[in-house]
Amino acid sequence: MPVLIGLALLVGSVHYLVVHGTNLNALFAALGPTLFLAMVCRGYWTGLFSGPTGLRCRTLTRTRDFAWEEIAGFELRPRKWRAVTVSGIVIVTTAGEAVNTEFIVGPNGRQPSMGLYSEAELIDLMVELEAQRSAS
């Protein structure tokens, strides 16, 4: 639904630009829905994506690709999220870097929003990723 609203706002803004000509206010009116639509789409495509050559970790602001040879392992580590301490899957590279993912368990194992997972789900995911890494 937010995508449809953003798309409608974008179409309306572009229509306004075409009919009334380009001015600063109209440009800002078109830019807002465009940025909103881009962030909604980007949020839809966040997560971990594995393939035969490696792992892609996509967050709302960044995409990182890791070859299986670059990954030393996966850990469940505590971190801050929305002012509370949560546990999340961390990719540990062979260079010693720790990369947070979007897969987190809420405080005390609870799931306060749709983006959070149970601890059992995360452990299953880590086992599956580790198996894929070992098989490559």
C-alpha atoms as a PDB file:
ATOM      1  CA  MET A   1       0.000   0.000   0.000  1.00  0.00           C
ATOM      2  CA  PRO A   2       2.761   2.576   0.772  1.00  0.00           C
ATOM      3  CA  VAL A   3       4.219   1.881  -2.682  1.00  0.00           C
ATOM      4  CA  LEU A   4       0.899   2.716  -4.332  1.00  0.00           C
ATOM      5  CA  ILE A   5       0.578   5.929  -2.326  1.00  0.00           C
ATOM      6  CA  GLY A   6       4.138   6.936  -3.225  1.00  0.00           C
ATOM      7  CA  LEU A   7       3.530   6.114  -6.869  1.00  0.00           C
ATOM      8  CA  ALA A   8       0.304   8.143  -6.899  1.00  0.00           C
ATOM      9  CA  LEU A   9       2.085  11.112  -5.326  1.00  0.00           C
ATOM     10  CA  LEU A  10       4.892  10.829  -7.857  1.00  0.00           C
ATOM     11  CA  VAL A  11       2.487  10.683 -10.821  1.00  0.00           C
ATOM     12  CA  GLY A  12       0.566  13.662  -9.438  1.00  0.00           C
ATOM     13  CA  SER A  13       3.770  15.654  -8.999  1.00  0.00           C
ATOM     14  CA  VAL A  14       5.009  14.863 -12.499  1.00  0.00           C
ATOM     15  CA  HIS A  15       1.586  15.807 -13.907  1.00  0.00           C
ATOM     16  CA  TYR A  16       1.782  19.117 -12.043  1.00  0.00           C
ATOM     17  CA  LEU A  17       5.252  19.773 -13.491  1.00  0.00           C
ATOM     18  CA  VAL A  18       4.031  19.080 -17.021  1.00  0.00           C
ATOM     19  CA  VAL A  19       0.887  21.222 -16.740  1.00  0.00           C
ATOM     20  CA  HIS A  20       2.229  24.176 -14.740  1.00  0.00           C
ATOM     21  CA  GLY A  21       5.863  24.192 -15.752  1.00  0.00           C
ATOM     22  CA  THR A  22       8.955  23.724 -13.667  1.00  0.00           C
ATOM     23  CA  ASN A  23       9.338  25.748 -10.472  1.00  0.00           C
ATOM     24  CA  LEU A  24      11.192  25.129  -7.242  1.00  0.00           C
ATOM     25  CA  ASN A  25       8.114  24.123  -5.218  1.00  0.00           C
ATOM     26  CA  ALA A  26       6.972  21.637  -7.856  1.00  0.00           C
ATOM     27  CA  LEU A  27      10.441  20.091  -8.026  1.00  0.00           C
ATOM     28  CA  PHE A  28      10.472  19.569  -4.253  1.00  0.00           C
ATOM     29  CA  ALA A  29       6.939  18.161  -4.423  1.00  0.00           C
ATOM     30  CA  ALA A  30       8.120  15.602  -7.008  1.00  0.00           C
ATOM     31  CA  LEU A  31      11.337  14.798  -5.134  1.00  0.00           C
ATOM     32  CA  GLY A  32       9.601  13.837  -1.857  1.00  0.00           C
ATOM     33  CA  PRO A  33       7.441  11.028  -3.264  1.00  0.00           C
ATOM     34  CA  THR A  34      10.333   9.824  -5.391  1.00  0.00           C
ATOM     35  CA  LEU A  35      12.605   9.465  -2.351  1.00  0.00           C
ATOM     36  CA  PHE A  36       9.802   7.852  -0.354  1.00  0.00           C
ATOM     37  CA  LEU A  37       9.147   5.333  -3.125  1.00  0.00           C
ATOM     38  CA  ALA A  38      12.879   4.571  -3.434  1.00  0.00           C
ATOM     39  CA  MET A  39      13.220   3.921   0.320  1.00  0.00           C
ATOM     40  CA  VAL A  40      10.122   1.686   0.395  1.00  0.00           C
ATOM     41  CA  CYS A  41      11.463  -0.366  -2.522  1.00  0.00           C
ATOM     42  CA  ARG A  42      14.914  -0.546  -0.945  1.00  0.00           C
ATOM     43  CA  GLY A  43      13.377  -1.680   2.348  1.00  0.00           C
ATOM     44  CA  TYR A  44      11.514  -4.422   0.532  1.00  0.00           C
ATOM     45  CA  TRP A  45      14.789  -5.799  -0.866  1.00  0.00           C
ATOM     46  CA  THR A  46      16.795  -5.849   2.391  1.00  0.00           C
ATOM     47  CA  GLY A  47      18.195  -9.040   3.855  1.00  0.00           C
ATOM     48  CA  LEU A  48      20.690 -11.814   3.163  1.00  0.00           C
ATOM     49  CA  PHE A  49      20.802 -13.447  -0.241  1.00  0.00           C
ATOM     50  CA  SER A  50      23.016 -16.477  -0.761  1.00  0.00           C
ATOM     51  CA  GLY A  51      24.231 -18.021  -3.969  1.00  0.00           C
ATOM     52  CA  PRO A  52      26.868 -20.445  -5.192  1.00  0.00           C
ATOM     53  CA  THR A  53      29.611 -17.802  -5.134  1.00  0.00           C
ATOM     54  CA  GLY A  54      28.799 -16.009  -1.902  1.00  0.00           C
ATOM     55  CA  LEU A  55      26.497 -13.894   0.191  1.00  0.00           C
ATOM     56  CA  ARG A  56      24.891 -10.505  -0.426  1.00  0.00           C
ATOM     57  CA  CYS A  57      23.991  -8.458   2.652  1.00  0.00           C
ATOM     58  CA  ARG A  58      21.607  -5.639   1.754  1.00  0.00           C
ATOM     59  CA  THR A  59      20.534  -3.061   4.346  1.00  0.00           C
ATOM     60  CA  LEU A  60      18.422   0.036   3.836  1.00  0.00           C
ATOM     61  CA  THR A  61      21.475   2.137   2.998  1.00  0.00           C
ATOM     62  CA  ARG A  62      24.151  -0.277   1.787  1.00  0.00           C
ATOM     63  CA  THR A  63      24.770  -3.483  -0.180  1.00  0.00           C
ATOM     64  CA  ARG A  64      27.821  -5.660   0.457  1.00  0.00           C
ATOM     65  CA  ASP A  65      28.859  -8.802  -1.380  1.00  0.00           C
ATOM     66  CA  PHE A  66      31.019 -11.454   0.275  1.00  0.00           C
ATOM     67  CA  ALA A  67      32.603 -14.425  -1.434  1.00  0.00           C
ATOM     68  CA  TRP A  68      32.278 -17.591   0.654  1.00  0.00           C
ATOM     69  CA  GLU A  69      36.082 -17.593   1.046  1.00  0.00           C
ATOM     70  CA  GLU A  70      35.913 -14.155   2.736  1.00  0.00           C
ATOM     71  CA  ILE A  71      33.513 -15.340   5.459  1.00  0.00           C
ATOM     72  CA  ALA A  72      35.035 -16.861   8.596  1.00  0.00           C
ATOM     73  CA  GLY A  73      31.675 -17.595  10.189  1.00  0.00           C
ATOM     74  CA  PHE A  74      28.410 -16.284  11.616  1.00  0.00           C
ATOM     75  CA  GLU A  75      27.661 -15.234  15.187  1.00  0.00           C
ATOM     76  CA  LEU A  76      24.680 -14.094  17.221  1.00  0.00           C
ATOM     77  CA  ARG A  77      25.830 -10.904  18.996  1.00  0.00           C
ATOM     78  CA  PRO A  78      24.053  -8.272  21.106  1.00  0.00           C
ATOM     79  CA  ARG A  79      23.635  -4.733  19.736  1.00  0.00           C
ATOM     80  CA  LYS A  80      21.434  -1.656  20.097  1.00  0.00           C
ATOM     81  CA  TRP A  81      18.297  -1.360  17.978  1.00  0.00           C
ATOM     82  CA  ARG A  82      15.710   1.378  18.574  1.00  0.00           C
ATOM     83  CA  ALA A  83      17.189   2.109  22.000  1.00  0.00           C
ATOM     84  CA  VAL A  84      16.925  -1.504  23.204  1.00  0.00           C
ATOM     85  CA  THR A  85      19.491  -4.277  23.283  1.00  0.00           C
ATOM     86  CA  VAL A  86      18.768  -7.059  20.814  1.00  0.00           C
ATOM     87  CA  SER A  87      20.681 -10.004  19.349  1.00  0.00           C
ATOM     88  CA  GLY A  88      21.473 -10.142  15.671  1.00  0.00           C
ATOM     89  CA  ILE A  89      23.298 -12.247  13.108  1.00  0.00           C
ATOM     90  CA  VAL A  90      26.765 -10.902  12.413  1.00  0.00           C
ATOM     91  CA  ILE A  91      28.916 -11.921   9.459  1.00  0.00           C
ATOM     92  CA  VAL A  92      32.536 -12.328  10.588  1.00  0.00           C
ATOM     93  CA  THR A  93      35.027 -11.978   7.749  1.00  0.00           C
ATOM     94  CA  THR A  94      38.463 -13.577   7.489  1.00  0.00           C
ATOM     95  CA  ALA A  95      39.893 -10.052   7.889  1.00  0.00           C
ATOM     96  CA  GLY A  96      38.236  -9.850  11.330  1.00  0.00           C
ATOM     97  CA  GLU A  97      35.494  -7.403  10.341  1.00  0.00           C
ATOM     98  CA  ALA A  98      32.048  -7.877  11.917  1.00  0.00           C
ATOM     99  CA  VAL A  99      29.128  -6.909   9.665  1.00  0.00           C
ATOM    100  CA  ASN A 100      25.655  -6.540  11.181  1.00  0.00           C
ATOM    101  CA  THR A 101      22.690  -7.896   9.244  1.00  0.00           C
ATOM    102  CA  GLU A 102      18.987  -7.051   9.334  1.00  0.00           C
ATOM    103  CA  PHE A 103      18.196 -10.352  11.085  1.00  0.00           C
ATOM    104  CA  ILE A 104      17.601  -9.616  14.782  1.00  0.00           C
ATOM    105  CA  VAL A 105      15.801 -11.093  17.800  1.00  0.00           C
ATOM    106  CA  GLY A 106      13.807  -8.702  19.949  1.00  0.00           C
ATOM    107  CA  PRO A 107      14.548  -8.064  23.624  1.00  0.00           C
ATOM    108  CA  ASN A 108      14.015 -11.170  25.757  1.00  0.00           C
ATOM    109  CA  GLY A 109      13.207 -13.176  22.639  1.00  0.00           C
ATOM    110  CA  ARG A 110      10.041 -11.174  21.919  1.00  0.00           C
ATOM    111  CA  GLN A 111       9.078  -9.977  18.465  1.00  0.00           C
ATOM    112  CA  PRO A 112       7.847  -6.382  18.845  1.00  0.00           C
ATOM    113  CA  SER A 113       7.620  -5.802  15.089  1.00  0.00           C
ATOM    114  CA  MET A 114       7.404  -7.750  11.835  1.00  0.00           C
ATOM    115  CA  GLY A 115      11.106  -7.268  11.013  1.00  0.00           C
ATOM    116  CA  LEU A 116      12.259  -9.321  13.986  1.00  0.00           C
ATOM    117  CA  TYR A 117      12.735 -13.070  14.178  1.00  0.00           C
ATOM    118  CA  SER A 118      12.690 -15.685  16.894  1.00  0.00           C
ATOM    119  CA  GLU A 119      16.003 -16.963  18.193  1.00  0.00           C
ATOM    120  CA  ALA A 120      15.257 -20.434  16.803  1.00  0.00           C
ATOM    121  CA  GLU A 121      14.706 -18.965  13.321  1.00  0.00           C
ATOM    122  CA  LEU A 122      18.019 -17.133  13.454  1.00  0.00           C
ATOM    123  CA  ILE A 123      19.901 -20.200  14.645  1.00  0.00           C
ATOM    124  CA  ASP A 124      18.356 -22.236  11.817  1.00  0.00           C
ATOM    125  CA  LEU A 125      19.377 -19.542   9.328  1.00  0.00           C
ATOM    126  CA  MET A 126      22.940 -19.458  10.686  1.00  0.00           C
ATOM    127  CA  VAL A 127      23.191 -23.266  10.391  1.00  0.00           C
ATOM    128  CA  GLU A 128      21.932 -23.109   6.798  1.00  0.00           C
ATOM    129  CA  LEU A 129      24.389 -20.328   5.881  1.00  0.00           C
ATOM    130  CA  GLU A 130      27.255 -22.202   7.521  1.00  0.00           C
ATOM    131  CA  ALA A 131      26.353 -25.327   5.529  1.00  0.00           C
ATOM    132  CA  GLN A 132      26.353 -23.331   2.287  1.00  0.00           C
ATOM    133  CA  ARG A 133      29.694 -21.762   3.183  1.00  0.00           C
ATOM    134  CA  SER A 134      31.232 -25.163   3.975  1.00  0.00           C
ATOM    135  CA  ALA A 135      29.895 -26.706   0.748  1.00  0.00           C
ATOM    136  CA  SER A 136      31.537 -24.094  -1.464  1.00  0.00           C
END
